[in-house]
C-alpha atoms as a PDB file:
ATOM      1  CA  UNK A   1      18.973 -10.801  12.298  1.00  0.00           C
ATOM      2  CA  UNK A   2      21.567 -13.054  13.827  1.00  0.00           C
ATOM      3  CA  UNK A   3      24.188 -10.869  12.430  1.00  0.00           C
ATOM      4  CA  UNK A   4      22.956  -7.714  14.115  1.00  0.00           C
ATOM      5  CA  UNK A   5      22.710  -9.597  17.545  1.00  0.00           C
ATOM      6  CA  UNK A   6      26.565 -10.356  17.330  1.00  0.00           C
ATOM      7  CA  UNK A   7      27.235  -6.877  15.904  1.00  0.00           C
ATOM      8  CA  UNK A   8      25.527  -5.233  18.965  1.00  0.00           C
ATOM      9  CA  UNK A   9      28.584  -6.291  21.175  1.00  0.00           C
ATOM     10  CA  UNK A  10      31.055  -4.543  18.925  1.00  0.00           C
ATOM     11  CA  UNK A  11      29.071  -2.369  16.236  1.00  0.00           C
ATOM     12  CA  UNK A  12      30.779  -0.901  13.005  1.00  0.00           C
ATOM     13  CA  UNK A  13      30.127   2.870  12.852  1.00  0.00           C
ATOM     14  CA  UNK A  14      27.732   2.349   9.686  1.00  0.00           C
ATOM     15  CA  UNK A  15      25.217  -0.100   8.251  1.00  0.00           C
ATOM     16  CA  UNK A  16      23.232   0.029   5.033  1.00  0.00           C
ATOM     17  CA  UNK A  17      19.753  -1.942   5.469  1.00  0.00           C
ATOM     18  CA  UNK A  18      18.745  -2.700   1.930  1.00  0.00           C
ATOM     19  CA  UNK A  19      15.538  -4.253   0.597  1.00  0.00           C
ATOM     20  CA  UNK A  20      12.191  -3.890  -0.772  1.00  0.00           C
ATOM     21  CA  UNK A  21       9.395  -1.935   0.901  1.00  0.00           C
ATOM     22  CA  UNK A  22       7.889  -3.673   3.753  1.00  0.00           C
ATOM     23  CA  UNK A  23      10.880  -6.182   4.128  1.00  0.00           C
ATOM     24  CA  UNK A  24      11.316  -5.196   7.914  1.00  0.00           C
ATOM     25  CA  UNK A  25      14.030  -2.895   7.419  1.00  0.00           C
ATOM     26  CA  UNK A  26      12.731  -0.409   9.800  1.00  0.00           C
ATOM     27  CA  UNK A  27      11.812  -3.021  12.306  1.00  0.00           C
ATOM     28  CA  UNK A  28      15.261  -4.418  12.396  1.00  0.00           C
ATOM     29  CA  UNK A  29      16.648  -0.837  12.724  1.00  0.00           C
ATOM     30  CA  UNK A  30      14.523  -0.235  15.643  1.00  0.00           C
ATOM     31  CA  UNK A  31      15.508  -3.479  17.320  1.00  0.00           C
ATOM     32  CA  UNK A  32      19.320  -2.822  16.609  1.00  0.00           C
ATOM     33  CA  UNK A  33      19.049   0.635  18.012  1.00  0.00           C
ATOM     34  CA  UNK A  34      17.228  -0.679  21.144  1.00  0.00           C
ATOM     35  CA  UNK A  35      20.136  -3.446  21.603  1.00  0.00           C
ATOM     36  CA  UNK A  36      22.890  -0.495  21.223  1.00  0.00           C
ATOM     37  CA  UNK A  37      21.115   1.748  23.625  1.00  0.00           C
ATOM     38  CA  UNK A  38      20.177  -0.818  26.277  1.00  0.00           C
ATOM     39  CA  UNK A  39      22.791  -1.518  28.991  1.00  0.00           C
ATOM     40  CA  UNK A  40      21.607  -5.365  28.914  1.00  0.00           C
ATOM     41  CA  UNK A  41      22.110  -5.635  25.011  1.00  0.00           C
ATOM     42  CA  UNK A  42      18.498  -5.376  24.231  1.00  0.00           C
ATOM     43  CA  UNK A  43      16.153  -6.615  26.676  1.00  0.00           C
ATOM     44  CA  UNK A  44      12.962  -5.389  25.099  1.00  0.00           C
ATOM     45  CA  UNK A  45      11.524  -4.234  28.506  1.00  0.00           C
ATOM     46  CA  UNK A  46      13.605  -1.426  29.878  1.00  0.00           C
ATOM     47  CA  UNK A  47      13.017   2.360  29.337  1.00  0.00           C
ATOM     48  CA  UNK A  48      15.705   2.524  26.676  1.00  0.00           C
ATOM     49  CA  UNK A  49      14.369  -0.435  24.760  1.00  0.00           C
ATOM     50  CA  UNK A  50      10.470   0.784  24.892  1.00  0.00           C
ATOM     51  CA  UNK A  51      11.466   4.265  23.678  1.00  0.00           C
ATOM     52  CA  UNK A  52      14.060   2.840  21.015  1.00  0.00           C
ATOM     53  CA  UNK A  53      11.335   0.471  19.709  1.00  0.00           C
ATOM     54  CA  UNK A  54       8.788   3.319  19.677  1.00  0.00           C
ATOM     55  CA  UNK A  55      11.170   5.791  17.769  1.00  0.00           C
ATOM     56  CA  UNK A  56      11.123   8.157  20.600  1.00  0.00           C
ATOM     57  CA  UNK A  57      14.694   7.757  22.512  1.00  0.00           C
ATOM     58  CA  UNK A  58      16.270  10.991  22.773  1.00  0.00           C
ATOM     59  CA  UNK A  59      19.571   9.441  21.313  1.00  0.00           C
ATOM     60  CA  UNK A  60      17.888   7.981  18.318  1.00  0.00           C
ATOM     61  CA  UNK A  61      17.777  10.593  15.298  1.00  0.00           C
ATOM     62  CA  UNK A  62      15.158   9.588  12.798  1.00  0.00           C
ATOM     63  CA  UNK A  63      16.081  11.610   9.310  1.00  0.00           C
ATOM     64  CA  UNK A  64      13.388  11.409   6.653  1.00  0.00           C
ATOM     65  CA  UNK A  65      12.869  13.116   3.304  1.00  0.00           C
ATOM     66  CA  UNK A  66      11.056  16.638   3.200  1.00  0.00           C
ATOM     67  CA  UNK A  67       9.260  16.122   0.088  1.00  0.00           C
ATOM     68  CA  UNK A  68      11.081  14.200  -2.691  1.00  0.00           C
ATOM     69  CA  UNK A  69      14.643  14.496  -1.645  1.00  0.00           C
ATOM     70  CA  UNK A  70      16.837  14.526   1.458  1.00  0.00           C
ATOM     71  CA  UNK A  71      18.533  17.818   1.099  1.00  0.00           C
ATOM     72  CA  UNK A  72      21.826  19.021   2.251  1.00  0.00           C
ATOM     73  CA  UNK A  73      20.283  21.512   5.032  1.00  0.00           C
ATOM     74  CA  UNK A  74      18.276  18.375   6.457  1.00  0.00           C
ATOM     75  CA  UNK A  75      21.472  16.325   6.850  1.00  0.00           C
ATOM     76  CA  UNK A  76      23.422  19.204   8.388  1.00  0.00           C
ATOM     77  CA  UNK A  77      20.887  20.206  10.903  1.00  0.00           C
ATOM     78  CA  UNK A  78      19.778  16.501  11.722  1.00  0.00           C
ATOM     79  CA  UNK A  79      22.966  14.403  11.377  1.00  0.00           C
ATOM     80  CA  UNK A  80      26.227  16.562  10.869  1.00  0.00           C
ATOM     81  CA  UNK A  81      25.745  18.787  13.975  1.00  0.00           C
ATOM     82  CA  UNK A  82      24.169  16.269  16.310  1.00  0.00           C
ATOM     83  CA  UNK A  83      26.746  13.686  15.614  1.00  0.00           C
ATOM     84  CA  UNK A  84      29.526  15.849  16.814  1.00  0.00           C
ATOM     85  CA  UNK A  85      27.584  17.071  19.920  1.00  0.00           C
ATOM     86  CA  UNK A  86      27.088  15.536  23.354  1.00  0.00           C
ATOM     87  CA  UNK A  87      24.154  13.096  23.276  1.00  0.00           C
ATOM     88  CA  UNK A  88      20.984  14.049  25.272  1.00  0.00           C
ATOM     89  CA  UNK A  89      21.461  10.888  27.344  1.00  0.00           C
ATOM     90  CA  UNK A  90      24.637   9.225  28.489  1.00  0.00           C
ATOM     91  CA  UNK A  91      25.513   6.374  25.840  1.00  0.00           C
ATOM     92  CA  UNK A  92      25.645   6.215  22.042  1.00  0.00           C
ATOM     93  CA  UNK A  93      23.873   8.075  19.504  1.00  0.00           C
ATOM     94  CA  UNK A  94      22.114   6.234  16.622  1.00  0.00           C
ATOM     95  CA  UNK A  95      21.192   8.158  13.203  1.00  0.00           C
ATOM     96  CA  UNK A  96      18.432   6.401  11.246  1.00  0.00           C
ATOM     97  CA  UNK A  97      18.407   7.711   7.728  1.00  0.00           C
ATOM     98  CA  UNK A  98      15.213   6.458   5.930  1.00  0.00           C
ATOM     99  CA  UNK A  99      14.966   6.422   2.105  1.00  0.00           C
ATOM    100  CA  UNK A 100      18.809   7.063   2.042  1.00  0.00           C
ATOM    101  CA  UNK A 101      18.745   6.820  -1.855  1.00  0.00           C
ATOM    102  CA  UNK A 102      17.019  10.040  -1.903  1.00  0.00           C
ATOM    103  CA  UNK A 103      20.059  11.876  -0.757  1.00  0.00           C
ATOM    104  CA  UNK A 104      20.788  14.740  -3.232  1.00  0.00           C
ATOM    105  CA  UNK A 105      24.669  14.785  -4.385  1.00  0.00           C
ATOM    106  CA  UNK A 106      25.309  17.682  -1.778  1.00  0.00           C
ATOM    107  CA  UNK A 107      23.690  15.755   0.942  1.00  0.00           C
ATOM    108  CA  UNK A 108      25.540  12.548   0.058  1.00  0.00           C
ATOM    109  CA  UNK A 109      28.783  14.315   0.217  1.00  0.00           C
ATOM    110  CA  UNK A 110      28.045  15.576   3.609  1.00  0.00           C
ATOM    111  CA  UNK A 111      27.070  12.177   4.832  1.00  0.00           C
ATOM    112  CA  UNK A 112      30.382  10.822   3.284  1.00  0.00           C
ATOM    113  CA  UNK A 113      32.432  13.276   5.308  1.00  0.00           C
ATOM    114  CA  UNK A 114      30.803  12.094   8.559  1.00  0.00           C
ATOM    115  CA  UNK A 115      31.347   8.227   7.621  1.00  0.00           C
ATOM    116  CA  UNK A 116      34.954   9.396   6.837  1.00  0.00           C
ATOM    117  CA  UNK A 117      35.628  10.558  10.285  1.00  0.00           C
ATOM    118  CA  UNK A 118      32.880   9.288  12.435  1.00  0.00           C
ATOM    119  CA  UNK A 119      32.561  10.341  16.168  1.00  0.00           C
ATOM    120  CA  UNK A 120      33.156   7.365  18.393  1.00  0.00           C
ATOM    121  CA  UNK A 121      29.568   7.503  19.972  1.00  0.00           C
ATOM    122  CA  UNK A 122      27.675   7.766  16.873  1.00  0.00           C
ATOM    123  CA  UNK A 123      26.264   4.657  14.607  1.00  0.00           C
ATOM    124  CA  UNK A 124      24.712   5.384  11.526  1.00  0.00           C
ATOM    125  CA  UNK A 125      21.698   3.433   9.752  1.00  0.00           C
ATOM    126  CA  UNK A 126      21.065   3.951   6.005  1.00  0.00           C
ATOM    127  CA  UNK A 127      17.794   2.303   5.028  1.00  0.00           C
ATOM    128  CA  UNK A 128      16.910   1.640   1.346  1.00  0.00           C
ATOM    129  CA  UNK A 129      14.608   0.130  -0.999  1.00  0.00           C
ATOM    130  CA  UNK A 130      16.859   1.077  -3.671  1.00  0.00           C
ATOM    131  CA  UNK A 131      20.307   0.663  -2.329  1.00  0.00           C
ATOM    132  CA  UNK A 132      21.675   0.227  -6.077  1.00  0.00           C
ATOM    133  CA  UNK A 133      21.327   4.145  -6.264  1.00  0.00           C
ATOM    134  CA  UNK A 134      23.353   4.940  -3.231  1.00  0.00           C
ATOM    135  CA  UNK A 135      26.906   6.239  -4.000  1.00  0.00           C
ATOM    136  CA  UNK A 136      29.509   3.480  -3.864  1.00  0.00           C
ATOM    137  CA  UNK A 137      31.795   5.756  -1.875  1.00  0.00           C
ATOM    138  CA  UNK A 138      29.117   5.650   0.946  1.00  0.00           C
ATOM    139  CA  UNK A 139      28.022   1.908   0.408  1.00  0.00           C
ATOM    140  CA  UNK A 140      31.948   1.167   0.867  1.00  0.00           C
ATOM    141  CA  UNK A 141      32.078   2.593   4.354  1.00  0.00           C
ATOM    142  CA  UNK A 142      29.095   0.619   5.512  1.00  0.00           C
ATOM    143  CA  UNK A 143      28.438  -2.971   6.454  1.00  0.00           C
ATOM    144  CA  UNK A 144      25.619  -4.085   4.001  1.00  0.00           C
ATOM    145  CA  UNK A 145      22.618  -6.098   5.347  1.00  0.00           C
ATOM    146  CA  UNK A 146      20.117  -7.449   2.535  1.00  0.00           C
ATOM    147  CA  UNK A 147      16.518  -7.959   3.559  1.00  0.00           C
ATOM    148  CA  UNK A 148      14.139 -10.040   1.407  1.00  0.00           C
ATOM    149  CA  UNK A 149      10.230  -9.621   1.091  1.00  0.00           C
ATOM    150  CA  UNK A 150       8.303 -10.877   4.110  1.00  0.00           C
ATOM    151  CA  UNK A 151       5.871 -13.917   3.811  1.00  0.00           C
ATOM    152  CA  UNK A 152       2.117 -13.096   4.604  1.00  0.00           C
ATOM    153  CA  UNK A 153       1.803 -15.575   7.317  1.00  0.00           C
ATOM    154  CA  UNK A 154       4.970 -13.926   8.974  1.00  0.00           C
ATOM    155  CA  UNK A 155       3.265 -10.365   8.736  1.00  0.00           C
ATOM    156  CA  UNK A 156       0.032 -11.620  10.032  1.00  0.00           C
ATOM    157  CA  UNK A 157       1.357 -13.192  13.159  1.00  0.00           C
ATOM    158  CA  UNK A 158       3.618  -9.866  13.806  1.00  0.00           C
ATOM    159  CA  UNK A 159       0.583  -7.952  13.698  1.00  0.00           C
ATOM    160  CA  UNK A 160      -1.529 -10.253  15.902  1.00  0.00           C
ATOM    161  CA  UNK A 161       1.550 -10.377  18.399  1.00  0.00           C
ATOM    162  CA  UNK A 162       0.863  -6.535  18.520  1.00  0.00           C
ATOM    163  CA  UNK A 163      -2.575  -6.853  19.547  1.00  0.00           C
ATOM    164  CA  UNK A 164      -4.401  -6.877  16.002  1.00  0.00           C
ATOM    165  CA  UNK A 165      -7.522  -9.037  15.710  1.00  0.00           C
ATOM    166  CA  UNK A 166      -7.025 -11.957  13.463  1.00  0.00           C
ATOM    167  CA  UNK A 167      -9.152 -10.686  10.590  1.00  0.00           C
ATOM    168  CA  UNK A 168      -7.815  -7.026  10.856  1.00  0.00           C
ATOM    169  CA  UNK A 169      -4.271  -8.678  10.784  1.00  0.00           C
ATOM    170  CA  UNK A 170      -5.121 -10.710   7.487  1.00  0.00           C
ATOM    171  CA  UNK A 171      -6.679  -7.754   5.739  1.00  0.00           C
ATOM    172  CA  UNK A 172      -3.944  -5.433   6.644  1.00  0.00           C
ATOM    173  CA  UNK A 173      -1.331  -8.034   5.440  1.00  0.00           C
ATOM    174  CA  UNK A 174      -2.978  -8.412   2.340  1.00  0.00           C
ATOM    175  CA  UNK A 175      -3.883  -4.842   1.269  1.00  0.00           C
ATOM    176  CA  UNK A 176      -0.354  -3.649   2.274  1.00  0.00           C
ATOM    177  CA  UNK A 177       1.094  -6.272  -0.010  1.00  0.00           C
ATOM    178  CA  UNK A 178       3.401  -7.653   2.800  1.00  0.00           C
ATOM    179  CA  UNK A 179       4.497  -4.410   3.775  1.00  0.00           C
ATOM    180  CA  UNK A 180       5.160  -4.825   7.412  1.00  0.00           C
ATOM    181  CA  UNK A 181       5.452  -1.113   8.099  1.00  0.00           C
ATOM    182  CA  UNK A 182       2.180  -0.292   6.330  1.00  0.00           C
ATOM    183  CA  UNK A 183       0.569  -3.195   7.517  1.00  0.00           C
ATOM    184  CA  UNK A 184       1.127  -2.138  11.099  1.00  0.00           C
ATOM    185  CA  UNK A 185      -0.206   1.373  10.361  1.00  0.00           C
ATOM    186  CA  UNK A 186      -3.219  -0.089   8.768  1.00  0.00           C
ATOM    187  CA  UNK A 187      -3.961  -2.708  11.702  1.00  0.00           C
ATOM    188  CA  UNK A 188      -3.145  -0.303  14.332  1.00  0.00           C
ATOM    189  CA  UNK A 189      -4.803   2.881  12.888  1.00  0.00           C
ATOM    190  CA  UNK A 190      -7.270   4.617  15.376  1.00  0.00           C
ATOM    191  CA  UNK A 191      -9.965   4.796  12.733  1.00  0.00           C
ATOM    192  CA  UNK A 192      -9.452   1.117  11.899  1.00  0.00           C
ATOM    193  CA  UNK A 193     -10.168   0.406   8.412  1.00  0.00           C
ATOM    194  CA  UNK A 194     -12.250   3.721   7.776  1.00  0.00           C
ATOM    195  CA  UNK A 195      -9.779   4.273   4.733  1.00  0.00           C
ATOM    196  CA  UNK A 196     -11.551   0.983   3.096  1.00  0.00           C
ATOM    197  CA  UNK A 197     -14.838   2.356   4.175  1.00  0.00           C
ATOM    198  CA  UNK A 198     -14.162   5.547   2.050  1.00  0.00           C
ATOM    199  CA  UNK A 199     -13.064   3.572  -0.758  1.00  0.00           C
ATOM    200  CA  UNK A 200     -16.112   1.565  -0.770  1.00  0.00           C
ATOM    201  CA  UNK A 201     -18.270   4.805  -0.538  1.00  0.00           C
ATOM    202  CA  UNK A 202     -16.091   6.432  -3.471  1.00  0.00           C
ATOM    203  CA  UNK A 203     -16.410   3.646  -5.903  1.00  0.00           C
ATOM    204  CA  UNK A 204     -20.241   3.405  -5.240  1.00  0.00           C
ATOM    205  CA  UNK A 205     -20.625   7.147  -5.871  1.00  0.00           C
ATOM    206  CA  UNK A 206     -18.393   7.311  -8.858  1.00  0.00           C
ATOM    207  CA  UNK A 207     -20.738   4.684 -10.395  1.00  0.00           C
ATOM    208  CA  UNK A 208     -23.368   7.313 -10.635  1.00  0.00           C
ATOM    209  CA  UNK A 209     -21.725   9.475 -13.201  1.00  0.00           C
ATOM    210  CA  UNK A 210     -19.639  12.622 -13.646  1.00  0.00           C
ATOM    211  CA  UNK A 211     -21.397  14.246 -10.445  1.00  0.00           C
ATOM    212  CA  UNK A 212     -21.003  10.958  -8.355  1.00  0.00           C
ATOM    213  CA  UNK A 213     -17.310  11.229  -9.356  1.00  0.00           C
ATOM    214  CA  UNK A 214     -16.744  14.548  -8.096  1.00  0.00           C
ATOM    215  CA  UNK A 215     -18.588  13.473  -4.991  1.00  0.00           C
ATOM    216  CA  UNK A 216     -16.241  10.464  -4.666  1.00  0.00           C
ATOM    217  CA  UNK A 217     -13.358  12.687  -4.451  1.00  0.00           C
ATOM    218  CA  UNK A 218     -14.896  14.633  -1.742  1.00  0.00           C
ATOM    219  CA  UNK A 219     -15.675  11.736   0.349  1.00  0.00           C
ATOM    220  CA  UNK A 220     -11.771  10.636  -0.060  1.00  0.00           C
ATOM    221  CA  UNK A 221     -10.733  14.170   0.952  1.00  0.00           C
ATOM    222  CA  UNK A 222     -13.043  14.494   3.941  1.00  0.00           C
ATOM    223  CA  UNK A 223     -11.662  11.015   5.253  1.00  0.00           C
ATOM    224  CA  UNK A 224      -8.158  12.211   4.939  1.00  0.00           C
ATOM    225  CA  UNK A 225      -9.048  15.438   6.931  1.00  0.00           C
ATOM    226  CA  UNK A 226     -10.668  13.409   9.569  1.00  0.00           C
ATOM    227  CA  UNK A 227      -7.306  11.100   9.852  1.00  0.00           C
ATOM    228  CA  UNK A 228      -5.171  14.288  10.089  1.00  0.00           C
ATOM    229  CA  UNK A 229      -7.116  15.455  13.105  1.00  0.00           C
ATOM    230  CA  UNK A 230      -6.619  12.219  14.914  1.00  0.00           C
ATOM    231  CA  UNK A 231      -2.908  12.547  14.620  1.00  0.00           C
ATOM    232  CA  UNK A 232      -2.767  15.490  16.978  1.00  0.00           C
ATOM    233  CA  UNK A 233      -3.345  13.610  20.251  1.00  0.00           C
ATOM    234  CA  UNK A 234      -0.287  11.225  19.405  1.00  0.00           C
ATOM    235  CA  UNK A 235       2.048  14.087  19.917  1.00  0.00           C
ATOM    236  CA  UNK A 236       1.135  14.710  23.564  1.00  0.00           C
ATOM    237  CA  UNK A 237       1.445  10.921  24.303  1.00  0.00           C
ATOM    238  CA  UNK A 238       5.110  10.912  22.662  1.00  0.00           C
ATOM    239  CA  UNK A 239       6.211  13.855  24.692  1.00  0.00           C
ATOM    240  CA  UNK A 240       5.048  12.488  28.066  1.00  0.00           C
ATOM    241  CA  UNK A 241       8.356  10.540  28.964  1.00  0.00           C
ATOM    242  CA  UNK A 242      10.386  13.930  28.631  1.00  0.00           C
ATOM    243  CA  UNK A 243       8.252  16.036  30.923  1.00  0.00           C
ATOM    244  CA  UNK A 244       8.609  16.690  34.605  1.00  0.00           C
ATOM    245  CA  UNK A 245       6.029  16.146  37.397  1.00  0.00           C
ATOM    246  CA  UNK A 246       4.430  19.665  36.466  1.00  0.00           C
ATOM    247  CA  UNK A 247       4.052  18.699  32.817  1.00  0.00           C
ATOM    248  CA  UNK A 248       6.706  21.029  31.614  1.00  0.00           C
ATOM    249  CA  UNK A 249       9.677  19.829  29.338  1.00  0.00           C
ATOM    250  CA  UNK A 250      12.735  18.732  31.061  1.00  0.00           C
ATOM    251  CA  UNK A 251      15.705  21.043  30.067  1.00  0.00           C
ATOM    252  CA  UNK A 252      18.106  18.191  29.106  1.00  0.00           C
ATOM    253  CA  UNK A 253      15.461  16.892  26.779  1.00  0.00           C
ATOM    254  CA  UNK A 254      14.616  20.190  24.780  1.00  0.00           C
ATOM    255  CA  UNK A 255      16.610  19.137  21.743  1.00  0.00           C
ATOM    256  CA  UNK A 256      14.506  15.650  21.770  1.00  0.00           C
ATOM    257  CA  UNK A 257      11.443  17.204  22.072  1.00  0.00           C
ATOM    258  CA  UNK A 258      11.932  19.682  19.469  1.00  0.00           C
ATOM    259  CA  UNK A 259      12.943  16.614  17.140  1.00  0.00           C
ATOM    260  CA  UNK A 260       9.628  14.942  17.994  1.00  0.00           C
ATOM    261  CA  UNK A 261       7.809  17.917  17.290  1.00  0.00           C
ATOM    262  CA  UNK A 262       9.225  18.463  13.760  1.00  0.00           C
ATOM    263  CA  UNK A 263       8.446  14.699  12.953  1.00  0.00           C
ATOM    264  CA  UNK A 264       5.165  15.174  14.142  1.00  0.00           C
ATOM    265  CA  UNK A 265       4.899  18.389  11.878  1.00  0.00           C
ATOM    266  CA  UNK A 266       6.253  16.230   8.968  1.00  0.00           C
ATOM    267  CA  UNK A 267       3.632  13.642   9.495  1.00  0.00           C
ATOM    268  CA  UNK A 268       0.944  15.984   9.572  1.00  0.00           C
ATOM    269  CA  UNK A 269       2.026  17.462   6.336  1.00  0.00           C
ATOM    270  CA  UNK A 270       2.061  14.171   4.749  1.00  0.00           C
ATOM    271  CA  UNK A 271      -0.957  12.785   6.615  1.00  0.00           C
ATOM    272  CA  UNK A 272      -3.592  13.785   4.225  1.00  0.00           C
ATOM    273  CA  UNK A 273      -1.744  12.513   1.398  1.00  0.00           C
ATOM    274  CA  UNK A 274      -0.729   9.151   3.062  1.00  0.00           C
ATOM    275  CA  UNK A 275      -4.496   8.645   3.875  1.00  0.00           C
ATOM    276  CA  UNK A 276      -5.465   9.338   0.276  1.00  0.00           C
ATOM    277  CA  UNK A 277      -3.044   6.736  -1.052  1.00  0.00           C
ATOM    278  CA  UNK A 278      -4.455   4.187   1.278  1.00  0.00           C
ATOM    279  CA  UNK A 279      -8.064   4.844   0.242  1.00  0.00           C
ATOM    280  CA  UNK A 280      -6.758   4.504  -3.420  1.00  0.00           C
ATOM    281  CA  UNK A 281      -4.836   1.303  -2.419  1.00  0.00           C
ATOM    282  CA  UNK A 282      -7.948  -0.191  -0.735  1.00  0.00           C
ATOM    283  CA  UNK A 283      -9.911   0.822  -4.075  1.00  0.00           C
ATOM    284  CA  UNK A 284      -7.418  -1.083  -5.982  1.00  0.00           C
ATOM    285  CA  UNK A 285      -7.506  -4.098  -3.745  1.00  0.00           C
ATOM    286  CA  UNK A 286     -11.547  -4.074  -4.010  1.00  0.00           C
ATOM    287  CA  UNK A 287     -11.512  -3.802  -7.747  1.00  0.00           C
ATOM    288  CA  UNK A 288      -8.662  -6.782  -7.968  1.00  0.00           C
ATOM    289  CA  UNK A 289     -11.056  -8.982  -5.718  1.00  0.00           C
ATOM    290  CA  UNK A 290     -13.925  -8.379  -8.241  1.00  0.00           C
ATOM    291  CA  UNK A 291     -11.996  -9.162 -11.064  1.00  0.00           C
ATOM    292  CA  UNK A 292     -10.428 -12.242  -9.516  1.00  0.00           C
ATOM    293  CA  UNK A 293     -14.092 -13.391  -8.471  1.00  0.00           C
ATOM    294  CA  UNK A 294     -15.229 -12.823 -12.167  1.00  0.00           C
ATOM    295  CA  UNK A 295     -12.314 -14.985 -13.359  1.00  0.00           C
ATOM    296  CA  UNK A 296     -13.407 -17.899 -10.817  1.00  0.00           C
ATOM    297  CA  UNK A 297     -10.377 -17.637  -8.687  1.00  0.00           C
ATOM    298  CA  UNK A 298     -10.628 -18.559  -5.086  1.00  0.00           C
ATOM    299  CA  UNK A 299      -8.902 -18.057  -1.865  1.00  0.00           C
ATOM    300  CA  UNK A 300      -6.936 -14.731  -3.288  1.00  0.00           C
ATOM    301  CA  UNK A 301      -9.207 -12.062  -2.077  1.00  0.00           C
ATOM    302  CA  UNK A 302      -7.343  -9.138  -0.410  1.00  0.00           C
ATOM    303  CA  UNK A 303     -10.394  -8.546   1.609  1.00  0.00           C
ATOM    304  CA  UNK A 304     -11.650 -11.802   2.495  1.00  0.00           C
ATOM    305  CA  UNK A 305     -13.898 -10.490   5.487  1.00  0.00           C
ATOM    306  CA  UNK A 306     -16.081  -8.721   3.064  1.00  0.00           C
ATOM    307  CA  UNK A 307     -17.391 -11.995   1.209  1.00  0.00           C
ATOM    308  CA  UNK A 308     -18.898 -11.181  -1.769  1.00  0.00           C
ATOM    309  CA  UNK A 309     -18.788  -7.369  -1.654  1.00  0.00           C
ATOM    310  CA  UNK A 310     -21.238  -5.996  -4.478  1.00  0.00           C
ATOM    311  CA  UNK A 311     -19.497  -3.257  -6.420  1.00  0.00           C
ATOM    312  CA  UNK A 312     -20.869  -1.182  -9.146  1.00  0.00           C
ATOM    313  CA  UNK A 313     -20.306  -2.460 -12.684  1.00  0.00           C
ATOM    314  CA  UNK A 314     -17.644   0.207 -13.757  1.00  0.00           C
ATOM    315  CA  UNK A 315     -15.686  -0.860 -10.770  1.00  0.00           C
ATOM    316  CA  UNK A 316     -14.951  -4.442 -11.854  1.00  0.00           C
ATOM    317  CA  UNK A 317     -12.775  -3.616 -14.965  1.00  0.00           C
ATOM    318  CA  UNK A 318      -9.050  -3.581 -15.779  1.00  0.00           C
ATOM    319  CA  UNK A 319      -9.343   0.122 -16.738  1.00  0.00           C
ATOM    320  CA  UNK A 320     -10.808   1.027 -13.235  1.00  0.00           C
ATOM    321  CA  UNK A 321      -7.693  -0.760 -11.605  1.00  0.00           C
ATOM    322  CA  UNK A 322      -5.481   1.150 -13.898  1.00  0.00           C
ATOM    323  CA  UNK A 323      -7.250   4.467 -13.018  1.00  0.00           C
ATOM    324  CA  UNK A 324      -6.426   3.772  -9.217  1.00  0.00           C
ATOM    325  CA  UNK A 325      -3.019   2.735  -9.776  1.00  0.00           C
ATOM    326  CA  UNK A 326      -2.212   5.797 -11.985  1.00  0.00           C
ATOM    327  CA  UNK A 327      -3.426   8.094  -9.447  1.00  0.00           C
ATOM    328  CA  UNK A 328      -1.309   6.617  -6.733  1.00  0.00           C
ATOM    329  CA  UNK A 329       1.665   6.780  -8.973  1.00  0.00           C
ATOM    330  CA  UNK A 330       1.046  10.447  -9.919  1.00  0.00           C
ATOM    331  CA  UNK A 331       0.607  11.532  -6.201  1.00  0.00           C
ATOM    332  CA  UNK A 332       3.717   9.782  -5.237  1.00  0.00           C
ATOM    333  CA  UNK A 333       5.678  10.945  -8.052  1.00  0.00           C
ATOM    334  CA  UNK A 334       4.587  14.820  -7.734  1.00  0.00           C
ATOM    335  CA  UNK A 335       4.136  16.325  -4.417  1.00  0.00           C
ATOM    336  CA  UNK A 336       2.828  19.405  -5.963  1.00  0.00           C
ATOM    337  CA  UNK A 337      -0.158  17.931  -7.767  1.00  0.00           C
ATOM    338  CA  UNK A 338      -3.556  19.183  -6.607  1.00  0.00           C
ATOM    339  CA  UNK A 339      -5.000  16.104  -4.638  1.00  0.00           C
ATOM    340  CA  UNK A 340      -8.551  17.069  -5.612  1.00  0.00           C
ATOM    341  CA  UNK A 341      -7.989  17.101  -9.376  1.00  0.00           C
ATOM    342  CA  UNK A 342      -5.989  13.926  -9.481  1.00  0.00           C
ATOM    343  CA  UNK A 343      -8.884  12.112  -7.479  1.00  0.00           C
ATOM    344  CA  UNK A 344     -11.562  13.753  -9.562  1.00  0.00           C
ATOM    345  CA  UNK A 345      -9.758  12.516 -12.747  1.00  0.00           C
ATOM    346  CA  UNK A 346      -9.476   8.893 -11.253  1.00  0.00           C
ATOM    347  CA  UNK A 347     -13.062   8.551 -10.460  1.00  0.00           C
ATOM    348  CA  UNK A 348     -14.113  10.236 -13.616  1.00  0.00           C
ATOM    349  CA  UNK A 349     -12.326   7.267 -15.268  1.00  0.00           C
ATOM    350  CA  UNK A 350     -14.607   5.076 -13.540  1.00  0.00           C
ATOM    351  CA  UNK A 351     -17.735   6.844 -14.313  1.00  0.00           C
ATOM    352  CA  UNK A 352     -17.185   6.712 -18.014  1.00  0.00           C
END
């Protein structure tokens, strides 16, 4: 972070933020973007800082994969063309490319061309948990910044600083495995720990046999649908800074508004799958806690607020844990899989 503080005075045109999931790459990128856009170098309180820290600044272009890969069309539309156009507001433009290791060869070539002849007012951040998979031609044109895994105490304190109650902060930190971004989403979700409630209900249903396993999958899908509905209200809140007194979009912000709308559309498309992953992650944590308790381990519970939660017998085996993790891996690997069938298979494994 000290390197980034100094770099904000005379920034390089491109940076690679490399480190494991949850190591704070996105948080650092937001803070660095704020320092580059703020007239005071990152005061944290002005309009530019608030919008940049909330991923809502019109001069910040957040680029994410659609599906498994980052395709050349996405890079052309969201990086190449905006980089050579006038910024929505006076000042620099910052391009934050998440999961940059997912660039297709054609998309990587397009990024490389921009990095070889970068516009003077554009700065590029490439974030990756697998930076070794980035083309060396791209990495050689960037300053490389390595991040390490965050300590649980740091994650808990960061969540509490953001307003999360101590008990929820600890649970979110442990269930997320120290992934700060995921922990923030868990701790700050409007529906609280509803994903864990769905996991408990599903595990109990699956213990009743094959019919219960089918019902367990229904519980998880219903919980995911409720979560998706709650996201719609967030778009209105994000658009508010760019509307006039009559509630209409300001003409100069139309491109920024369009980007926010596209981002929300992507989030909605991923919302149900992401929530299902959180439910399965919570189920894994509950099963792990039961296994640890059976071995006499103390102080390692991922759900310490639940005490000795009674789970059905089938939910306390290594096989049950494997079923949950296998389902998570399948859904992460292939976006075309039928989520219902994956869940039914996972919970049928528990019921047997």
